[in-house]
PDB file of N, CA and C in Angstrom:
ATOM      1  N   MET A   1     106.131  97.939 103.539  1.00  0.00           N
ATOM      2  CA  MET A   1     105.957  96.506 103.648  1.00  0.00           C
ATOM      3  C   MET A   1     104.872  96.167 104.662  1.00  0.00           C
ATOM      4  N   ALA A   2     104.780  96.970 105.710  1.00  0.00           N
ATOM      5  CA  ALA A   2     103.777  96.711 106.746  1.00  0.00           C
ATOM      6  C   ALA A   2     102.366  96.846 106.183  1.00  0.00           C
ATOM      7  N   VAL A   3     102.168  97.794 105.289  1.00  0.00           N
ATOM      8  CA  VAL A   3     100.839  97.976 104.700  1.00  0.00           C
ATOM      9  C   VAL A   3     100.453  96.747 103.871  1.00  0.00           C
ATOM     10  N   GLY A   4     101.404  96.193 103.131  1.00  0.00           N
ATOM     11  CA  GLY A   4     101.141  95.001 102.343  1.00  0.00           C
ATOM     12  C   GLY A   4     100.781  93.804 103.212  1.00  0.00           C
ATOM     13  N   ILE A   5     101.452  93.661 104.342  1.00  0.00           N
ATOM     14  CA  ILE A   5     101.156  92.556 105.256  1.00  0.00           C
ATOM     15  C   ILE A   5      99.786  92.743 105.899  1.00  0.00           C
ATOM     16  N   ILE A   6      99.453  93.965 106.274  1.00  0.00           N
ATOM     17  CA  ILE A   6      98.138  94.234 106.868  1.00  0.00           C
ATOM     18  C   ILE A   6      97.035  93.965 105.846  1.00  0.00           C
ATOM     19  N   PHE A   7      97.235  94.408 104.601  1.00  0.00           N
ATOM     20  CA  PHE A   7      96.256  94.130 103.555  1.00  0.00           C
ATOM     21  C   PHE A   7      96.115  92.632 103.313  1.00  0.00           C
ATOM     22  N   LEU A   8      97.222  91.893 103.398  1.00  0.00           N
ATOM     23  CA  LEU A   8      97.164  90.449 103.213  1.00  0.00           C
ATOM     24  C   LEU A   8      96.370  89.781 104.329  1.00  0.00           C
ATOM     25  N   LEU A   9      96.548  90.237 105.560  1.00  0.00           N
ATOM     26  CA  LEU A   9      95.765  89.694 106.672  1.00  0.00           C
ATOM     27  C   LEU A   9      94.269  89.986 106.491  1.00  0.00           C
ATOM     28  N   ILE A  10      93.953  91.176 106.024  1.00  0.00           N
ATOM     29  CA  ILE A  10      92.553  91.524 105.776  1.00  0.00           C
ATOM     30  C   ILE A  10      91.986  90.655 104.656  1.00  0.00           C
ATOM     31  N   ALA A  11      92.784  90.389 103.625  1.00  0.00           N
ATOM     32  CA  ALA A  11      92.328  89.539 102.528  1.00  0.00           C
ATOM     33  C   ALA A  11      92.065  88.115 103.008  1.00  0.00           C
ATOM     34  N   ILE A  12      92.885  87.611 103.906  1.00  0.00           N
ATOM     35  CA  ILE A  12      92.664  86.276 104.460  1.00  0.00           C
ATOM     36  C   ILE A  12      91.367  86.247 105.260  1.00  0.00           C
ATOM     37  N   LEU A  13      91.104  87.294 106.029  1.00  0.00           N
ATOM     38  CA  LEU A  13      89.843  87.367 106.765  1.00  0.00           C
ATOM     39  C   LEU A  13      88.647  87.465 105.816  1.00  0.00           C
ATOM     40  N   CYS A  14      88.806  88.159 104.705  1.00  0.00           N
ATOM     41  CA  CYS A  14      87.737  88.231 103.700  1.00  0.00           C
ATOM     42  C   CYS A  14      87.473  86.865 103.090  1.00  0.00           C
ATOM     43  N   LEU A  15      88.521  86.088 102.880  1.00  0.00           N
ATOM     44  CA  LEU A  15      88.344  84.732 102.357  1.00  0.00           C
ATOM     45  C   LEU A  15      87.555  83.879 103.342  1.00  0.00           C
ATOM     46  N   TYR A  16      87.900  83.979 104.614  1.00  0.00           N
ATOM     47  CA  TYR A  16      87.164  83.254 105.646  1.00  0.00           C
ATOM     48  C   TYR A  16      85.693  83.693 105.675  1.00  0.00           C
ATOM     49  N   GLY A  17      85.460  84.988 105.575  1.00  0.00           N
ATOM     50  CA  GLY A  17      84.098  85.501 105.573  1.00  0.00           C
ATOM     51  C   GLY A  17      83.306  85.060 104.359  1.00  0.00           C
ATOM     52  N   ALA A  18      83.965  85.003 103.202  1.00  0.00           N
ATOM     53  CA  ALA A  18      83.276  84.561 101.984  1.00  0.00           C
ATOM     54  C   ALA A  18      82.872  83.094 102.095  1.00  0.00           C
ATOM     55  N   ILE A  19      83.772  82.266 102.592  1.00  0.00           N
ATOM     56  CA  ILE A  19      83.451  80.843 102.749  1.00  0.00           C
ATOM     57  C   ILE A  19      82.320  80.663 103.746  1.00  0.00           C
ATOM     58  N   ARG A  20      82.384  81.395 104.843  1.00  0.00           N
ATOM     59  CA  ARG A  20      81.343  81.286 105.870  1.00  0.00           C
ATOM     60  C   ARG A  20      79.981  81.759 105.335  1.00  0.00           C
ATOM     61  N   ALA A  21      79.983  82.846 104.567  1.00  0.00           N
ATOM     62  CA  ALA A  21      78.726  83.358 104.010  1.00  0.00           C
ATOM     63  C   ALA A  21      78.156  82.406 102.968  1.00  0.00           C
ATOM     64  N   LEU A  22      79.016  81.774 102.187  1.00  0.00           N
ATOM     65  CA  LEU A  22      78.526  80.820 101.189  1.00  0.00           C
ATOM     66  C   LEU A  22      77.929  79.586 101.850  1.00  0.00           C
ATOM     67  N   LYS A  23      78.503  79.156 102.961  1.00  0.00           N
ATOM     68  CA  LYS A  23      77.952  78.005 103.682  1.00  0.00           C
ATOM     69  C   LYS A  23      76.565  78.308 104.232  1.00  0.00           C
ATOM     70  N   LYS A  24      76.350  79.558 104.650  1.00  0.00           N
ATOM     71  CA  LYS A  24      75.048  79.951 105.187  1.00  0.00           C
ATOM     72  C   LYS A  24      74.104  80.443 104.095  1.00  0.00           C
ATOM     73  N   ARG A  25      74.545  80.377 102.846  1.00  0.00           N
ATOM     74  CA  ARG A  25      73.775  80.811 101.677  1.00  0.00           C
ATOM     75  C   ARG A  25      73.372  82.293 101.753  1.00  0.00           C
ATOM     76  N   ASN A  26      74.278  83.087 102.256  1.00  0.00           N
ATOM     77  CA  ASN A  26      74.094  84.530 102.322  1.00  0.00           C
ATOM     78  C   ASN A  26      74.787  85.142 101.101  1.00  0.00           C
ATOM     79  N   ILE A  27      74.032  85.329 100.041  1.00  0.00           N
ATOM     80  CA  ILE A  27      74.605  85.756  98.767  1.00  0.00           C
ATOM     81  C   ILE A  27      75.152  87.187  98.843  1.00  0.00           C
ATOM     82  N   PHE A  28      74.424  88.078  99.505  1.00  0.00           N
ATOM     83  CA  PHE A  28      74.886  89.467  99.606  1.00  0.00           C
ATOM     84  C   PHE A  28      76.195  89.538 100.395  1.00  0.00           C
ATOM     85  N   GLY A  29      76.252  88.847 101.509  1.00  0.00           N
ATOM     86  CA  GLY A  29      77.471  88.833 102.320  1.00  0.00           C
ATOM     87  C   GLY A  29      78.638  88.199 101.593  1.00  0.00           C
ATOM     88  N   ALA A  30      78.354  87.119 100.867  1.00  0.00           N
ATOM     89  CA  ALA A  30      79.410  86.446 100.111  1.00  0.00           C
ATOM     90  C   ALA A  30      79.932  87.346  98.990  1.00  0.00           C
ATOM     91  N   GLY A  31      79.024  88.038  98.324  1.00  0.00           N
ATOM     92  CA  GLY A  31      79.451  88.946  97.259  1.00  0.00           C
ATOM     93  C   GLY A  31      80.312  90.080  97.776  1.00  0.00           C
ATOM     94  N   TYR A  32      79.904  90.655  98.897  1.00  0.00           N
ATOM     95  CA  TYR A  32      80.684  91.738  99.495  1.00  0.00           C
ATOM     96  C   TYR A  32      82.059  91.235  99.930  1.00  0.00           C
ATOM     97  N   ALA A  33      82.110  90.037 100.510  1.00  0.00           N
ATOM     98  CA  ALA A  33      83.390  89.480 100.962  1.00  0.00           C
ATOM     99  C   ALA A  33      84.302  89.159  99.779  1.00  0.00           C
ATOM    100  N   ILE A  34      83.725  88.658  98.685  1.00  0.00           N
ATOM    101  CA  ILE A  34      84.534  88.332  97.510  1.00  0.00           C
ATOM    102  C   ILE A  34      85.084  89.591  96.854  1.00  0.00           C
ATOM    103  N   ILE A  35      84.265  90.631  96.781  1.00  0.00           N
ATOM    104  CA  ILE A  35      84.745  91.905  96.223  1.00  0.00           C
ATOM    105  C   ILE A  35      85.854  92.487  97.109  1.00  0.00           C
ATOM    106  N   SER A  36      85.657  92.431  98.422  1.00  0.00           N
ATOM    107  CA  SER A  36      86.685  92.920  99.349  1.00  0.00           C
ATOM    108  C   SER A  36      87.956  92.092  99.236  1.00  0.00           C
ATOM    109  N   LEU A  37      87.803  90.786  99.086  1.00  0.00           N
ATOM    110  CA  LEU A  37      88.957  89.905  98.911  1.00  0.00           C
ATOM    111  C   LEU A  37      89.735  90.285  97.655  1.00  0.00           C
ATOM    112  N   ALA A  38      89.033  90.555  96.583  1.00  0.00           N
ATOM    113  CA  ALA A  38      89.701  90.934  95.336  1.00  0.00           C
ATOM    114  C   ALA A  38      90.464  92.247  95.482  1.00  0.00           C
ATOM    115  N   VAL A  39      89.834  93.236  96.111  1.00  0.00           N
ATOM    116  CA  VAL A  39      90.468  94.550  96.251  1.00  0.00           C
ATOM    117  C   VAL A  39      91.674  94.484  97.189  1.00  0.00           C
ATOM    118  N   PHE A  40      91.478  93.938  98.389  1.00  0.00           N
ATOM    119  CA  PHE A  40      92.575  93.894  99.350  1.00  0.00           C
ATOM    120  C   PHE A  40      93.664  92.920  98.912  1.00  0.00           C
ATOM    121  N   GLY A  41      93.288  91.824  98.263  1.00  0.00           N
ATOM    122  CA  GLY A  41      94.286  90.890  97.755  1.00  0.00           C
ATOM    123  C   GLY A  41      95.148  91.530  96.683  1.00  0.00           C
ATOM    124  N   TRP A  42      94.505  92.261  95.776  1.00  0.00           N
ATOM    125  CA  TRP A  42      95.244  92.954  94.706  1.00  0.00           C
ATOM    126  C   TRP A  42      96.215  93.980  95.293  1.00  0.00           C
ATOM    127  N   PHE A  43      95.743  94.811  96.211  1.00  0.00           N
ATOM    128  CA  PHE A  43      96.608  95.831  96.794  1.00  0.00           C
ATOM    129  C   PHE A  43      97.750  95.212  97.598  1.00  0.00           C
ATOM    130  N   SER A  44      97.489  94.118  98.300  1.00  0.00           N
ATOM    131  CA  SER A  44      98.556  93.498  99.084  1.00  0.00           C
ATOM    132  C   SER A  44      99.630  92.903  98.174  1.00  0.00           C
ATOM    133  N   VAL A  45      99.213  92.205  97.137  1.00  0.00           N
ATOM    134  CA  VAL A  45     100.188  91.604  96.222  1.00  0.00           C
ATOM    135  C   VAL A  45     100.990  92.686  95.503  1.00  0.00           C
ATOM    136  N   MET A  46     100.322  93.717  95.020  1.00  0.00           N
ATOM    137  CA  MET A  46     101.031  94.779  94.308  1.00  0.00           C
ATOM    138  C   MET A  46     101.965  95.567  95.232  1.00  0.00           C
ATOM    139  N   THR A  47     101.562  95.777  96.484  1.00  0.00           N
ATOM    140  CA  THR A  47     102.421  96.483  97.432  1.00  0.00           C
ATOM    141  C   THR A  47     103.660  95.667  97.747  1.00  0.00           C
ATOM    142  N   ILE A  48     103.492  94.375  97.968  1.00  0.00           N
ATOM    143  CA  ILE A  48     104.640  93.520  98.270  1.00  0.00           C
ATOM    144  C   ILE A  48     105.574  93.421  97.067  1.00  0.00           C
ATOM    145  N   ILE A  49     105.034  93.300  95.868  1.00  0.00           N
ATOM    146  CA  ILE A  49     105.873  93.263  94.664  1.00  0.00           C
ATOM    147  C   ILE A  49     106.632  94.572  94.504  1.00  0.00           C
ATOM    148  N   ASP A  50     105.970  95.699  94.749  1.00  0.00           N
ATOM    149  CA  ASP A  50     106.622  96.997  94.619  1.00  0.00           C
ATOM    150  C   ASP A  50     107.765  97.138  95.622  1.00  0.00           C
ATOM    151  N   VAL A  51     107.552  96.699  96.834  1.00  0.00           N
ATOM    152  CA  VAL A  51     108.603  96.800  97.858  1.00  0.00           C
ATOM    153  C   VAL A  51     109.774  95.888  97.496  1.00  0.00           C
ATOM    154  N   LEU A  52     109.495  94.685  97.039  1.00  0.00           N
ATOM    155  CA  LEU A  52     110.570  93.747  96.708  1.00  0.00           C
ATOM    156  C   LEU A  52     111.372  94.186  95.496  1.00  0.00           C
ATOM    157  N   GLN A  53     110.767  94.931  94.577  1.00  0.00           N
ATOM    158  CA  GLN A  53     111.486  95.410  93.398  1.00  0.00           C
ATOM    159  C   GLN A  53     112.235  96.710  93.671  1.00  0.00           C
ATOM    160  N   GLY A  54     112.070  97.252  94.863  1.00  0.00           N
ATOM    161  CA  GLY A  54     112.806  98.463  95.196  1.00  0.00           C
ATOM    162  C   GLY A  54     112.122  99.741  94.785  1.00  0.00           C
ATOM    163  N   GLY A  55     110.865  99.691  94.443  1.00  0.00           N
ATOM    164  CA  GLY A  55     110.135 100.893  94.074  1.00  0.00           C
ATOM    165  C   GLY A  55     109.704 101.647  95.308  1.00  0.00           C
ATOM    166  N   GLY A  56     108.959 102.711  95.097  1.00  0.00           N
ATOM    167  CA  GLY A  56     108.430 103.472  96.224  1.00  0.00           C
ATOM    168  C   GLY A  56     109.347 104.596  96.641  1.00  0.00           C
ATOM    169  N   VAL A  57     109.471 104.792  97.926  1.00  0.00           N
ATOM    170  CA  VAL A  57     110.193 105.929  98.490  1.00  0.00           C
ATOM    171  C   VAL A  57     111.702 105.734  98.322  1.00  0.00           C
ATOM    172  N   GLN A  58     112.360 106.811  97.885  1.00  0.00           N
ATOM    173  CA  GLN A  58     113.819 106.789  97.758  1.00  0.00           C
ATOM    174  C   GLN A  58     114.445 107.150  99.102  1.00  0.00           C
ATOM    175  N   VAL A  59     115.231 106.262  99.647  1.00  0.00           N
ATOM    176  CA  VAL A  59     115.853 106.497 100.942  1.00  0.00           C
ATOM    177  C   VAL A  59     117.190 107.200 100.733  1.00  0.00           C
ATOM    178  N   GLY A  60     117.402 108.273 101.485  1.00  0.00           N
ATOM    179  CA  GLY A  60     118.668 108.974 101.439  1.00  0.00           C
ATOM    180  C   GLY A  60     118.803 109.996 100.316  1.00  0.00           C
ATOM    181  N   SER A  61     117.712 110.364  99.680  1.00  0.00           N
ATOM    182  CA  SER A  61     117.791 111.338  98.590  1.00  0.00           C
ATOM    183  C   SER A  61     117.559 112.725  99.102  1.00  0.00           C
TER     184      SER A  61
END
């Protein structure tokens, strides 16, 4: 669960960076931030869903 929360925080920072880069018309920076946002956002959402559904490591086996 901690990894999902850390990835979510990174995705939020990527969103801030993308907005800031778009305001300054930095297309390369905005593109990199948007790609990073997509990757980290996807991993954070999928990790949190996996933990909530009980997947992952089996405890006590």
